[in-house]
Amino acid sequence: MTRVEVDKIIDKLTDSFNLNKFDEVGVQEAYCRKLLNLDYRQMEVAVDALIETDSKYVPPISVLIKAYRDSKPNPAMIANAEYCSVCDDKGYVLMTEYRKFTDNTTIPYQYVLHCNFCPVGRAQSYNGMDCKNAECRTNYYTPPITRYFDENEIENMRESNIARKNYKLTQFEIDEIKIVFKKFSYKIPELRPFEIEHGDAWEGDEKCPF
């Protein structure tokens, strides 16, 4: 989380619990160092759970971290406070790898890499070996983007996504799109009064019986 988000969590701990030691030397700084590596929204869920349990003392860092790991925020709650230009706010990037087989055929395979630059991306992180139930563990996982792309490549992603996000169609391009749609469009004929009233369609010169 950002420093601003850390301060919000500290303020929430200060306001929600009756007693704290944040005025002692080094205590608040120790909390801040731990919080910076965690997700803001998930920590909010953890703090809310601790408040319901006991709101007298601000929980020690170890208790706070345990509550954070045990918390399971609703995925719908996880959102980026600011636009992530690395993954375009999707939380993941697809990497294509081409595999060549013995018959000289080449088939593309796509892999999901989670974005470790934003909360939405970190929520996409998955490791099948972390499953608590040993019988359900698998070797499937979603590695971070930084494992396969270096700083220059990630910066190129940022520039490309920002350029696409800020791009505006020219009037010429808009007109060209309209022309294409007109080729596939079909004008729906207006219904005659008796067709609207009775729901029956009559064609040609067939006389309406109503």
N, C-alpha and C. Protein backbone atom coordinates (compact mmCIF):
# COMPACT_ATOMS: atom_id res chain seq x y z
N MET A 1 0.83 -1.19 0.00
CA MET A 1 0.00 0.00 0.00
C MET A 1 0.88 1.25 0.00
N THR A 2 0.28 2.37 -0.37
CA THR A 2 1.02 3.62 -0.41
C THR A 2 1.16 4.21 0.99
N ARG A 3 1.99 5.23 1.11
CA ARG A 3 2.18 5.86 2.42
C ARG A 3 0.88 6.50 2.90
N VAL A 4 0.11 7.06 1.97
CA VAL A 4 -1.18 7.67 2.34
C VAL A 4 -2.12 6.60 2.89
N GLU A 5 -2.13 5.43 2.26
CA GLU A 5 -2.99 4.33 2.73
C GLU A 5 -2.53 3.81 4.09
N VAL A 6 -1.20 3.77 4.28
CA VAL A 6 -0.66 3.36 5.58
C VAL A 6 -1.14 4.31 6.67
N ASP A 7 -1.08 5.60 6.39
CA ASP A 7 -1.54 6.60 7.37
C ASP A 7 -3.02 6.42 7.69
N LYS A 8 -3.80 6.04 6.70
CA LYS A 8 -5.24 5.81 6.93
C LYS A 8 -5.45 4.62 7.88
N ILE A 9 -4.65 3.56 7.69
CA ILE A 9 -4.76 2.40 8.57
C ILE A 9 -4.33 2.76 9.99
N ILE A 10 -3.25 3.53 10.11
CA ILE A 10 -2.79 3.97 11.44
C ILE A 10 -3.87 4.82 12.11
N ASP A 11 -4.48 5.72 11.35
CA ASP A 11 -5.55 6.56 11.91
C ASP A 11 -6.74 5.71 12.35
N LYS A 12 -7.03 4.68 11.55
CA LYS A 12 -8.15 3.80 11.90
C LYS A 12 -7.86 3.03 13.18
N LEU A 13 -6.63 2.56 13.32
CA LEU A 13 -6.23 1.85 14.55
C LEU A 13 -6.30 2.79 15.75
N THR A 14 -5.85 4.02 15.56
CA THR A 14 -5.84 5.00 16.65
C THR A 14 -7.26 5.36 17.09
N ASP A 15 -8.16 5.53 16.10
CA ASP A 15 -9.52 5.97 16.40
C ASP A 15 -10.41 4.84 16.90
N SER A 16 -10.12 3.61 16.47
CA SER A 16 -11.03 2.50 16.76
C SER A 16 -10.72 1.76 18.05
N PHE A 17 -9.46 1.85 18.48
CA PHE A 17 -9.07 1.18 19.71
C PHE A 17 -8.81 2.21 20.81
N ASN A 18 -9.13 1.83 22.05
CA ASN A 18 -9.03 2.78 23.17
C ASN A 18 -7.60 3.11 23.54
N LEU A 19 -6.72 2.11 23.48
CA LEU A 19 -5.34 2.30 23.92
C LEU A 19 -4.36 1.91 22.83
N ASN A 20 -3.31 2.70 22.68
CA ASN A 20 -2.27 2.38 21.72
C ASN A 20 -0.92 2.92 22.22
N LYS A 21 0.16 2.48 21.57
CA LYS A 21 1.50 2.91 21.96
C LYS A 21 2.19 3.69 20.83
N PHE A 22 1.39 4.29 19.98
CA PHE A 22 1.95 5.00 18.84
C PHE A 22 2.76 6.24 19.23
N ASP A 23 2.54 6.72 20.45
CA ASP A 23 3.29 7.89 20.90
C ASP A 23 4.69 7.52 21.42
N GLU A 24 4.93 6.21 21.55
CA GLU A 24 6.26 5.78 22.01
C GLU A 24 7.24 5.78 20.83
N VAL A 25 8.50 5.98 21.12
CA VAL A 25 9.53 6.09 20.09
C VAL A 25 9.64 4.81 19.26
N GLY A 26 9.53 4.95 17.96
CA GLY A 26 9.76 3.84 17.04
C GLY A 26 8.58 2.91 16.82
N VAL A 27 7.51 3.04 17.61
CA VAL A 27 6.38 2.10 17.50
C VAL A 27 5.62 2.32 16.19
N GLN A 28 5.23 3.56 15.93
CA GLN A 28 4.46 3.83 14.72
C GLN A 28 5.28 3.52 13.46
N GLU A 29 6.57 3.83 13.50
CA GLU A 29 7.44 3.55 12.35
C GLU A 29 7.52 2.05 12.07
N ALA A 30 7.52 1.24 13.13
CA ALA A 30 7.57 -0.22 12.97
C ALA A 30 6.30 -0.73 12.29
N TYR A 31 5.14 -0.19 12.68
CA TYR A 31 3.88 -0.57 12.04
C TYR A 31 3.89 -0.16 10.57
N CYS A 32 4.39 1.04 10.32
CA CYS A 32 4.40 1.55 8.94
C CYS A 32 5.25 0.67 8.03
N ARG A 33 6.39 0.25 8.50
CA ARG A 33 7.27 -0.59 7.67
C ARG A 33 6.59 -1.89 7.28
N LYS A 34 5.85 -2.48 8.19
CA LYS A 34 5.13 -3.73 7.89
C LYS A 34 3.95 -3.49 6.95
N LEU A 35 3.22 -2.41 7.20
CA LEU A 35 2.02 -2.14 6.42
C LEU A 35 2.32 -1.81 4.96
N LEU A 36 3.46 -1.22 4.69
CA LEU A 36 3.80 -0.81 3.33
C LEU A 36 3.83 -1.98 2.35
N ASN A 37 4.10 -3.18 2.85
CA ASN A 37 4.19 -4.37 1.99
C ASN A 37 2.87 -5.12 1.85
N LEU A 38 1.80 -4.58 2.44
CA LEU A 38 0.53 -5.28 2.44
C LEU A 38 -0.51 -4.53 1.62
N ASP A 39 -1.63 -5.21 1.33
CA ASP A 39 -2.71 -4.62 0.55
C ASP A 39 -3.65 -3.83 1.45
N TYR A 40 -3.98 -2.63 1.01
CA TYR A 40 -4.79 -1.72 1.84
C TYR A 40 -6.18 -2.27 2.14
N ARG A 41 -6.89 -2.70 1.12
CA ARG A 41 -8.27 -3.14 1.33
C ARG A 41 -8.35 -4.41 2.17
N GLN A 42 -7.41 -5.31 1.96
CA GLN A 42 -7.40 -6.53 2.76
C GLN A 42 -7.08 -6.21 4.22
N MET A 43 -6.19 -5.24 4.45
CA MET A 43 -5.88 -4.83 5.82
C MET A 43 -7.09 -4.18 6.47
N GLU A 44 -7.86 -3.44 5.70
CA GLU A 44 -9.09 -2.84 6.25
C GLU A 44 -10.03 -3.92 6.77
N VAL A 45 -10.16 -5.00 6.00
CA VAL A 45 -11.01 -6.12 6.42
C VAL A 45 -10.46 -6.73 7.71
N ALA A 46 -9.14 -6.89 7.79
CA ALA A 46 -8.52 -7.48 8.97
C ALA A 46 -8.72 -6.61 10.20
N VAL A 47 -8.56 -5.31 10.05
CA VAL A 47 -8.74 -4.38 11.18
C VAL A 47 -10.19 -4.39 11.66
N ASP A 48 -11.13 -4.41 10.72
CA ASP A 48 -12.56 -4.46 11.10
C ASP A 48 -12.86 -5.72 11.91
N ALA A 49 -12.25 -6.84 11.51
CA ALA A 49 -12.47 -8.10 12.23
C ALA A 49 -11.89 -8.01 13.65
N LEU A 50 -10.74 -7.39 13.79
CA LEU A 50 -10.11 -7.25 15.12
C LEU A 50 -10.90 -6.31 16.01
N ILE A 51 -11.48 -5.28 15.43
CA ILE A 51 -12.29 -4.34 16.21
C ILE A 51 -13.50 -5.06 16.82
N GLU A 52 -14.11 -5.94 16.05
CA GLU A 52 -15.27 -6.68 16.55
C GLU A 52 -14.89 -7.64 17.66
N THR A 53 -13.63 -8.11 17.64
CA THR A 53 -13.18 -9.06 18.67
C THR A 53 -12.84 -8.36 19.98
N ASP A 54 -12.02 -7.29 19.90
CA ASP A 54 -11.61 -6.56 21.11
C ASP A 54 -11.11 -5.19 20.68
N SER A 55 -11.80 -4.16 21.09
CA SER A 55 -11.45 -2.80 20.68
C SER A 55 -10.75 -2.01 21.78
N LYS A 56 -10.18 -2.71 22.76
CA LYS A 56 -9.52 -2.00 23.86
C LYS A 56 -8.09 -1.61 23.49
N TYR A 57 -7.28 -2.59 23.09
CA TYR A 57 -5.88 -2.33 22.78
C TYR A 57 -5.62 -2.48 21.28
N VAL A 58 -4.79 -1.61 20.73
CA VAL A 58 -4.34 -1.80 19.36
C VAL A 58 -3.54 -3.09 19.30
N PRO A 59 -3.89 -4.00 18.38
CA PRO A 59 -3.22 -5.30 18.34
C PRO A 59 -1.74 -5.18 17.99
N PRO A 60 -0.89 -6.03 18.56
CA PRO A 60 0.53 -6.05 18.18
C PRO A 60 0.68 -6.35 16.69
N ILE A 61 1.84 -6.06 16.15
CA ILE A 61 2.08 -6.28 14.72
C ILE A 61 1.87 -7.74 14.34
N SER A 62 2.31 -8.66 15.20
CA SER A 62 2.16 -10.09 14.89
C SER A 62 0.69 -10.49 14.77
N VAL A 63 -0.14 -9.96 15.65
CA VAL A 63 -1.58 -10.25 15.61
C VAL A 63 -2.21 -9.62 14.39
N LEU A 64 -1.77 -8.41 14.06
CA LEU A 64 -2.29 -7.70 12.90
C LEU A 64 -1.96 -8.44 11.61
N ILE A 65 -0.74 -8.95 11.51
CA ILE A 65 -0.33 -9.70 10.32
C ILE A 65 -1.11 -11.00 10.20
N LYS A 66 -1.32 -11.69 11.32
CA LYS A 66 -2.08 -12.95 11.29
C LYS A 66 -3.51 -12.69 10.85
N ALA A 67 -4.12 -11.63 11.37
CA ALA A 67 -5.48 -11.30 10.97
C ALA A 67 -5.54 -10.94 9.48
N TYR A 68 -4.50 -10.30 9.01
CA TYR A 68 -4.42 -9.95 7.58
C TYR A 68 -4.38 -11.21 6.71
N ARG A 69 -3.56 -12.16 7.10
CA ARG A 69 -3.43 -13.40 6.32
C ARG A 69 -4.70 -14.24 6.38
N ASP A 70 -5.42 -14.17 7.50
CA ASP A 70 -6.65 -14.95 7.65
C ASP A 70 -7.85 -14.29 6.99
N SER A 71 -7.73 -13.00 6.71
CA SER A 71 -8.86 -12.28 6.12
C SER A 71 -9.05 -12.68 4.67
N LYS A 72 -10.29 -12.74 4.26
CA LYS A 72 -10.62 -13.10 2.89
C LYS A 72 -11.54 -12.02 2.32
N PRO A 73 -10.97 -10.96 1.79
CA PRO A 73 -11.80 -9.88 1.26
C PRO A 73 -12.59 -10.31 0.04
N ASN A 74 -13.75 -9.73 -0.11
CA ASN A 74 -14.55 -9.98 -1.30
C ASN A 74 -13.79 -9.46 -2.52
N PRO A 75 -13.57 -10.29 -3.56
CA PRO A 75 -12.83 -9.83 -4.74
C PRO A 75 -13.40 -8.55 -5.32
N ALA A 76 -14.72 -8.35 -5.15
CA ALA A 76 -15.33 -7.14 -5.70
C ALA A 76 -14.85 -5.89 -4.96
N MET A 77 -14.33 -6.08 -3.73
CA MET A 77 -13.84 -4.95 -2.95
C MET A 77 -12.46 -4.50 -3.41
N ILE A 78 -11.74 -5.39 -4.07
CA ILE A 78 -10.38 -5.08 -4.47
C ILE A 78 -10.38 -4.25 -5.75
N ALA A 79 -9.82 -3.07 -5.64
CA ALA A 79 -9.77 -2.17 -6.80
C ALA A 79 -8.52 -1.31 -6.69
N ASN A 80 -8.09 -0.82 -7.82
CA ASN A 80 -6.93 0.06 -7.83
C ASN A 80 -7.36 1.49 -7.55
N ALA A 81 -6.73 2.09 -6.56
CA ALA A 81 -7.03 3.50 -6.26
C ALA A 81 -6.59 4.39 -7.41
N GLU A 82 -5.51 4.01 -8.08
CA GLU A 82 -5.03 4.73 -9.25
C GLU A 82 -4.86 3.76 -10.42
N TYR A 83 -4.98 4.29 -11.62
CA TYR A 83 -4.86 3.46 -12.83
C TYR A 83 -3.49 2.79 -12.88
N CYS A 84 -3.49 1.47 -13.10
CA CYS A 84 -2.23 0.72 -13.24
C CYS A 84 -1.91 0.63 -14.72
N SER A 85 -0.88 1.34 -15.13
CA SER A 85 -0.51 1.38 -16.54
C SER A 85 0.27 0.14 -16.98
N VAL A 86 0.68 -0.69 -16.02
CA VAL A 86 1.41 -1.91 -16.38
C VAL A 86 0.46 -2.95 -16.95
N CYS A 87 -0.64 -3.20 -16.24
CA CYS A 87 -1.58 -4.25 -16.67
C CYS A 87 -2.88 -3.69 -17.23
N ASP A 88 -2.97 -2.36 -17.34
CA ASP A 88 -4.19 -1.71 -17.84
C ASP A 88 -5.37 -2.01 -16.92
N ASP A 89 -5.10 -2.09 -15.61
CA ASP A 89 -6.11 -2.33 -14.57
C ASP A 89 -6.75 -3.72 -14.64
N LYS A 90 -6.22 -4.61 -15.45
CA LYS A 90 -6.77 -5.96 -15.54
C LYS A 90 -6.29 -6.84 -14.39
N GLY A 91 -5.09 -6.56 -13.90
CA GLY A 91 -4.52 -7.38 -12.83
C GLY A 91 -3.63 -8.50 -13.35
N TYR A 92 -3.58 -8.66 -14.65
CA TYR A 92 -2.76 -9.73 -15.23
C TYR A 92 -2.29 -9.34 -16.62
N VAL A 93 -1.30 -10.07 -17.09
CA VAL A 93 -0.79 -9.90 -18.45
C VAL A 93 -0.65 -11.29 -19.06
N LEU A 94 -1.05 -11.44 -20.30
CA LEU A 94 -0.94 -12.73 -20.99
C LEU A 94 0.40 -12.78 -21.73
N MET A 95 1.15 -13.83 -21.48
CA MET A 95 2.42 -14.04 -22.17
C MET A 95 2.26 -15.20 -23.14
N THR A 96 2.62 -14.99 -24.39
CA THR A 96 2.50 -16.02 -25.42
C THR A 96 3.85 -16.69 -25.65
N GLU A 97 3.83 -18.00 -25.60
CA GLU A 97 5.05 -18.77 -25.85
C GLU A 97 4.76 -19.75 -26.97
N TYR A 98 5.64 -19.82 -27.96
CA TYR A 98 5.44 -20.71 -29.10
C TYR A 98 6.26 -21.98 -28.90
N ARG A 99 5.56 -23.12 -28.96
CA ARG A 99 6.23 -24.41 -28.77
C ARG A 99 6.29 -25.17 -30.09
N LYS A 100 7.47 -25.68 -30.37
CA LYS A 100 7.68 -26.43 -31.61
C LYS A 100 7.70 -27.92 -31.32
N PHE A 101 6.96 -28.67 -32.12
CA PHE A 101 6.85 -30.11 -31.90
C PHE A 101 7.68 -30.88 -32.95
N THR A 102 7.76 -32.16 -32.75
CA THR A 102 8.62 -33.00 -33.59
C THR A 102 8.20 -32.98 -35.06
N ASP A 103 6.93 -32.73 -35.35
CA ASP A 103 6.47 -32.68 -36.74
C ASP A 103 6.61 -31.28 -37.33
N ASN A 104 7.42 -30.44 -36.65
CA ASN A 104 7.71 -29.08 -37.09
C ASN A 104 6.52 -28.12 -37.02
N THR A 105 5.45 -28.55 -36.37
CA THR A 105 4.33 -27.63 -36.17
C THR A 105 4.61 -26.77 -34.93
N THR A 106 4.18 -25.53 -35.00
CA THR A 106 4.37 -24.59 -33.90
C THR A 106 3.01 -24.15 -33.37
N ILE A 107 2.80 -24.29 -32.08
CA ILE A 107 1.52 -23.94 -31.47
C ILE A 107 1.75 -22.89 -30.38
N PRO A 108 0.97 -21.80 -30.40
CA PRO A 108 1.13 -20.78 -29.36
C PRO A 108 0.42 -21.17 -28.07
N TYR A 109 1.06 -20.96 -26.95
CA TYR A 109 0.48 -21.19 -25.63
C TYR A 109 0.49 -19.86 -24.88
N GLN A 110 -0.60 -19.58 -24.18
CA GLN A 110 -0.67 -18.35 -23.40
C GLN A 110 -0.65 -18.65 -21.91
N TYR A 111 0.12 -17.86 -21.18
CA TYR A 111 0.26 -18.02 -19.74
C TYR A 111 -0.16 -16.73 -19.05
N VAL A 112 -0.76 -16.88 -17.89
CA VAL A 112 -1.19 -15.71 -17.11
C VAL A 112 -0.10 -15.32 -16.13
N LEU A 113 0.29 -14.05 -16.18
CA LEU A 113 1.24 -13.50 -15.21
C LEU A 113 0.50 -12.46 -14.39
N HIS A 114 0.53 -12.58 -13.08
CA HIS A 114 -0.18 -11.58 -12.28
C HIS A 114 0.67 -10.32 -12.15
N CYS A 115 0.00 -9.18 -12.10
CA CYS A 115 0.68 -7.89 -11.99
C CYS A 115 1.00 -7.62 -10.52
N ASN A 116 2.27 -7.53 -10.20
CA ASN A 116 2.66 -7.28 -8.81
C ASN A 116 2.90 -5.80 -8.55
N PHE A 117 2.26 -4.94 -9.39
CA PHE A 117 2.38 -3.50 -9.21
C PHE A 117 1.08 -2.87 -8.72
N CYS A 118 0.02 -3.66 -8.55
CA CYS A 118 -1.26 -3.08 -8.11
C CYS A 118 -2.05 -4.09 -7.29
N PRO A 119 -3.00 -3.63 -6.45
CA PRO A 119 -3.81 -4.52 -5.61
C PRO A 119 -4.61 -5.55 -6.41
N VAL A 120 -5.17 -5.12 -7.54
CA VAL A 120 -5.95 -6.05 -8.37
C VAL A 120 -5.05 -7.18 -8.88
N GLY A 121 -3.84 -6.83 -9.26
CA GLY A 121 -2.90 -7.85 -9.74
C GLY A 121 -2.47 -8.81 -8.65
N ARG A 122 -2.17 -8.26 -7.47
CA ARG A 122 -1.76 -9.13 -6.36
C ARG A 122 -2.88 -10.07 -5.95
N ALA A 123 -4.12 -9.65 -6.18
CA ALA A 123 -5.27 -10.52 -5.87
C ALA A 123 -5.35 -11.69 -6.86
N GLN A 124 -4.71 -11.54 -8.03
CA GLN A 124 -4.69 -12.60 -9.04
C GLN A 124 -3.58 -13.62 -8.79
N SER A 125 -2.75 -13.35 -7.80
CA SER A 125 -1.65 -14.27 -7.51
C SER A 125 -2.20 -15.60 -7.00
N TYR A 126 -1.66 -16.67 -7.54
CA TYR A 126 -2.14 -18.01 -7.15
C TYR A 126 -0.98 -19.00 -7.14
N ASN A 127 -0.95 -19.81 -6.11
CA ASN A 127 0.03 -20.90 -6.03
C ASN A 127 -0.68 -22.13 -5.49
N GLY A 128 -0.82 -23.12 -6.35
CA GLY A 128 -1.57 -24.32 -5.97
C GLY A 128 -0.97 -25.08 -4.80
N MET A 129 0.32 -24.89 -4.54
CA MET A 129 0.97 -25.59 -3.45
C MET A 129 0.66 -24.97 -2.09
N ASP A 130 0.04 -23.78 -2.09
CA ASP A 130 -0.30 -23.12 -0.82
C ASP A 130 -1.64 -23.56 -0.26
N CYS A 131 -2.33 -24.42 -0.98
CA CYS A 131 -3.64 -24.88 -0.51
C CYS A 131 -3.51 -25.62 0.81
N LYS A 132 -4.36 -25.28 1.78
CA LYS A 132 -4.29 -25.89 3.10
C LYS A 132 -4.59 -27.39 3.05
N ASN A 133 -5.49 -27.78 2.16
CA ASN A 133 -5.83 -29.18 2.01
C ASN A 133 -4.79 -29.84 1.09
N ALA A 134 -3.98 -30.74 1.65
CA ALA A 134 -2.90 -31.37 0.90
C ALA A 134 -3.39 -32.11 -0.34
N GLU A 135 -4.60 -32.67 -0.28
CA GLU A 135 -5.13 -33.42 -1.41
C GLU A 135 -5.48 -32.52 -2.60
N CYS A 136 -5.68 -31.25 -2.33
CA CYS A 136 -6.08 -30.32 -3.40
C CYS A 136 -4.91 -29.53 -3.98
N ARG A 137 -3.72 -29.74 -3.47
CA ARG A 137 -2.56 -28.99 -3.95
C ARG A 137 -2.19 -29.38 -5.38
N THR A 138 -1.78 -28.36 -6.14
CA THR A 138 -1.37 -28.59 -7.52
C THR A 138 -0.09 -27.81 -7.81
N ASN A 139 0.49 -28.07 -8.96
CA ASN A 139 1.71 -27.36 -9.37
C ASN A 139 1.40 -26.09 -10.16
N TYR A 140 0.11 -25.78 -10.32
CA TYR A 140 -0.26 -24.60 -11.09
C TYR A 140 -0.05 -23.34 -10.25
N TYR A 141 0.43 -22.30 -10.90
CA TYR A 141 0.63 -21.02 -10.22
C TYR A 141 0.66 -19.89 -11.24
N THR A 142 0.47 -18.68 -10.78
CA THR A 142 0.56 -17.51 -11.65
C THR A 142 1.76 -16.67 -11.20
N PRO A 143 2.85 -16.74 -11.93
CA PRO A 143 4.05 -15.98 -11.56
C PRO A 143 3.85 -14.48 -11.77
N PRO A 144 4.67 -13.66 -11.13
CA PRO A 144 4.57 -12.21 -11.32
C PRO A 144 5.16 -11.78 -12.66
N ILE A 145 4.75 -10.64 -13.12
CA ILE A 145 5.25 -10.10 -14.38
C ILE A 145 6.76 -9.94 -14.36
N THR A 146 7.28 -9.53 -13.21
CA THR A 146 8.71 -9.23 -13.11
C THR A 146 9.60 -10.46 -13.28
N ARG A 147 9.03 -11.65 -13.25
CA ARG A 147 9.84 -12.85 -13.46
C ARG A 147 10.23 -13.01 -14.92
N TYR A 148 9.41 -12.48 -15.82
CA TYR A 148 9.66 -12.69 -17.25
C TYR A 148 9.97 -11.40 -18.02
N PHE A 149 9.68 -10.24 -17.42
CA PHE A 149 9.93 -8.97 -18.11
C PHE A 149 10.84 -8.09 -17.26
N ASP A 150 11.83 -7.49 -17.91
CA ASP A 150 12.74 -6.61 -17.18
C ASP A 150 12.15 -5.19 -17.09
N GLU A 151 12.90 -4.28 -16.50
CA GLU A 151 12.41 -2.92 -16.27
C GLU A 151 12.08 -2.19 -17.57
N ASN A 152 12.92 -2.36 -18.59
CA ASN A 152 12.68 -1.69 -19.87
C ASN A 152 11.40 -2.20 -20.54
N GLU A 153 11.18 -3.51 -20.49
CA GLU A 153 9.98 -4.09 -21.10
C GLU A 153 8.72 -3.65 -20.35
N ILE A 154 8.81 -3.57 -19.03
CA ILE A 154 7.67 -3.13 -18.22
C ILE A 154 7.37 -1.66 -18.49
N GLU A 155 8.41 -0.87 -18.67
CA GLU A 155 8.21 0.54 -19.01
C GLU A 155 7.56 0.68 -20.37
N ASN A 156 7.89 -0.19 -21.31
CA ASN A 156 7.25 -0.18 -22.63
C ASN A 156 5.76 -0.52 -22.50
N MET A 157 5.43 -1.44 -21.59
CA MET A 157 4.02 -1.76 -21.33
C MET A 157 3.28 -0.52 -20.84
N ARG A 158 3.90 0.18 -19.91
CA ARG A 158 3.29 1.39 -19.36
C ARG A 158 3.00 2.42 -20.46
N GLU A 159 4.02 2.67 -21.26
CA GLU A 159 3.88 3.68 -22.31
C GLU A 159 2.81 3.28 -23.32
N SER A 160 2.78 2.00 -23.68
CA SER A 160 1.79 1.52 -24.65
C SER A 160 0.38 1.64 -24.11
N ASN A 161 0.15 1.23 -22.85
CA ASN A 161 -1.19 1.29 -22.27
C ASN A 161 -1.65 2.72 -22.08
N ILE A 162 -0.75 3.60 -21.65
CA ILE A 162 -1.11 5.00 -21.46
C ILE A 162 -1.46 5.65 -22.79
N ALA A 163 -0.67 5.35 -23.83
CA ALA A 163 -0.93 5.90 -25.16
C ALA A 163 -2.29 5.44 -25.68
N ARG A 164 -2.62 4.16 -25.49
CA ARG A 164 -3.90 3.63 -25.95
C ARG A 164 -5.06 4.22 -25.15
N LYS A 165 -4.85 4.37 -23.84
CA LYS A 165 -5.91 4.91 -22.98
C LYS A 165 -6.23 6.36 -23.32
N ASN A 166 -5.20 7.13 -23.68
CA ASN A 166 -5.39 8.55 -23.96
C ASN A 166 -5.70 8.83 -25.44
N TYR A 167 -5.68 7.78 -26.26
CA TYR A 167 -5.89 8.00 -27.69
C TYR A 167 -7.35 8.35 -27.99
N LYS A 168 -7.54 9.32 -28.84
CA LYS A 168 -8.89 9.73 -29.25
C LYS A 168 -9.02 9.57 -30.75
N LEU A 169 -10.14 8.98 -31.16
CA LEU A 169 -10.39 8.78 -32.58
C LEU A 169 -10.53 10.11 -33.31
N THR A 170 -9.97 10.18 -34.50
CA THR A 170 -10.15 11.36 -35.33
C THR A 170 -11.52 11.29 -36.00
N GLN A 171 -12.00 12.41 -36.50
CA GLN A 171 -13.29 12.43 -37.17
C GLN A 171 -13.28 11.52 -38.39
N PHE A 172 -12.14 11.45 -39.09
CA PHE A 172 -12.03 10.57 -40.25
C PHE A 172 -12.23 9.11 -39.84
N GLU A 173 -11.60 8.70 -38.72
CA GLU A 173 -11.73 7.32 -38.25
C GLU A 173 -13.17 7.03 -37.82
N ILE A 174 -13.82 8.00 -37.20
CA ILE A 174 -15.22 7.83 -36.79
C ILE A 174 -16.11 7.63 -38.01
N ASP A 175 -15.87 8.44 -39.06
CA ASP A 175 -16.65 8.32 -40.29
C ASP A 175 -16.43 6.96 -40.95
N GLU A 176 -15.18 6.48 -40.92
CA GLU A 176 -14.87 5.18 -41.52
C GLU A 176 -15.59 4.06 -40.77
N ILE A 177 -15.65 4.16 -39.46
CA ILE A 177 -16.35 3.15 -38.65
C ILE A 177 -17.84 3.16 -38.98
N LYS A 178 -18.41 4.33 -39.13
CA LYS A 178 -19.83 4.44 -39.47
C LYS A 178 -20.12 3.78 -40.82
N ILE A 179 -19.21 3.96 -41.78
CA ILE A 179 -19.40 3.36 -43.11
C ILE A 179 -19.41 1.84 -43.01
N VAL A 180 -18.49 1.30 -42.21
CA VAL A 180 -18.42 -0.16 -42.04
C VAL A 180 -19.70 -0.68 -41.41
N PHE A 181 -20.21 0.01 -40.38
CA PHE A 181 -21.44 -0.45 -39.72
C PHE A 181 -22.64 -0.36 -40.64
N LYS A 182 -22.67 0.64 -41.51
CA LYS A 182 -23.79 0.78 -42.42
C LYS A 182 -23.88 -0.38 -43.40
N LYS A 183 -22.71 -0.94 -43.75
CA LYS A 183 -22.68 -2.07 -44.68
C LYS A 183 -23.36 -3.30 -44.09
N PHE A 184 -23.31 -3.44 -42.76
CA PHE A 184 -23.87 -4.61 -42.11
C PHE A 184 -25.21 -4.32 -41.44
N SER A 185 -25.63 -3.07 -41.49
CA SER A 185 -26.89 -2.71 -40.82
C SER A 185 -28.08 -2.99 -41.73
N TYR A 186 -29.25 -3.13 -41.13
CA TYR A 186 -30.47 -3.38 -41.87
C TYR A 186 -31.57 -2.54 -41.27
N LYS A 187 -32.21 -1.76 -42.10
CA LYS A 187 -33.26 -0.89 -41.59
C LYS A 187 -34.51 -1.69 -41.29
N ILE A 188 -34.99 -1.59 -40.07
CA ILE A 188 -36.20 -2.31 -39.64
C ILE A 188 -37.42 -1.52 -40.09
N PRO A 189 -38.30 -2.13 -40.86
CA PRO A 189 -39.49 -1.40 -41.34
C PRO A 189 -40.43 -1.07 -40.19
N GLU A 190 -41.14 0.03 -40.33
CA GLU A 190 -42.09 0.43 -39.29
C GLU A 190 -43.32 -0.48 -39.37
N LEU A 191 -43.86 -0.80 -38.20
CA LEU A 191 -45.05 -1.64 -38.13
C LEU A 191 -46.29 -0.83 -38.45
N ARG A 192 -47.20 -1.45 -39.21
CA ARG A 192 -48.46 -0.79 -39.48
C ARG A 192 -49.37 -0.88 -38.27
N PRO A 193 -50.33 0.01 -38.14
CA PRO A 193 -51.18 0.04 -36.92
C PRO A 193 -51.81 -1.29 -36.55
N PHE A 194 -52.32 -2.01 -37.54
CA PHE A 194 -52.99 -3.27 -37.19
C PHE A 194 -51.99 -4.33 -36.74
N GLU A 195 -50.72 -4.22 -37.18
CA GLU A 195 -49.70 -5.16 -36.74
C GLU A 195 -49.33 -4.91 -35.28
N ILE A 196 -49.29 -3.65 -34.89
CA ILE A 196 -48.98 -3.31 -33.50
C ILE A 196 -50.10 -3.76 -32.58
N GLU A 197 -51.35 -3.55 -33.02
CA GLU A 197 -52.50 -3.84 -32.17
C GLU A 197 -52.74 -5.33 -32.01
N HIS A 198 -52.63 -6.07 -33.10
CA HIS A 198 -53.00 -7.49 -33.06
C HIS A 198 -51.79 -8.43 -33.09
N GLY A 199 -50.64 -7.92 -33.40
CA GLY A 199 -49.45 -8.76 -33.37
C GLY A 199 -49.32 -9.68 -34.56
N ASP A 200 -50.11 -9.49 -35.60
CA ASP A 200 -50.03 -10.33 -36.80
C ASP A 200 -49.40 -9.54 -37.93
N ALA A 201 -48.52 -10.19 -38.68
CA ALA A 201 -47.87 -9.52 -39.80
C ALA A 201 -48.55 -9.93 -41.10
N TRP A 202 -48.84 -8.95 -41.94
CA TRP A 202 -49.47 -9.21 -43.24
C TRP A 202 -48.56 -8.68 -44.32
N GLU A 203 -48.37 -9.46 -45.35
CA GLU A 203 -47.43 -9.09 -46.39
C GLU A 203 -48.15 -8.76 -47.68
N GLY A 204 -47.45 -8.02 -48.54
CA GLY A 204 -47.95 -7.71 -49.86
C GLY A 204 -49.27 -6.98 -49.82
N ASP A 205 -50.16 -7.36 -50.74
CA ASP A 205 -51.45 -6.68 -50.84
C ASP A 205 -52.54 -7.40 -50.08
N GLU A 206 -52.12 -8.33 -49.22
CA GLU A 206 -53.10 -9.10 -48.44
C GLU A 206 -53.93 -8.15 -47.59
N LYS A 207 -55.23 -8.27 -47.66
CA LYS A 207 -56.12 -7.35 -46.96
C LYS A 207 -56.14 -7.65 -45.47
N CYS A 208 -56.06 -6.61 -44.68
CA CYS A 208 -56.13 -6.76 -43.23
C CYS A 208 -57.58 -7.03 -42.84
N PRO A 209 -57.86 -8.09 -42.09
CA PRO A 209 -59.25 -8.44 -41.75
C PRO A 209 -59.78 -7.61 -40.59
N PHE A 210 -59.00 -6.80 -39.96
CA PHE A 210 -59.45 -6.06 -38.76
C PHE A 210 -59.96 -4.68 -39.11
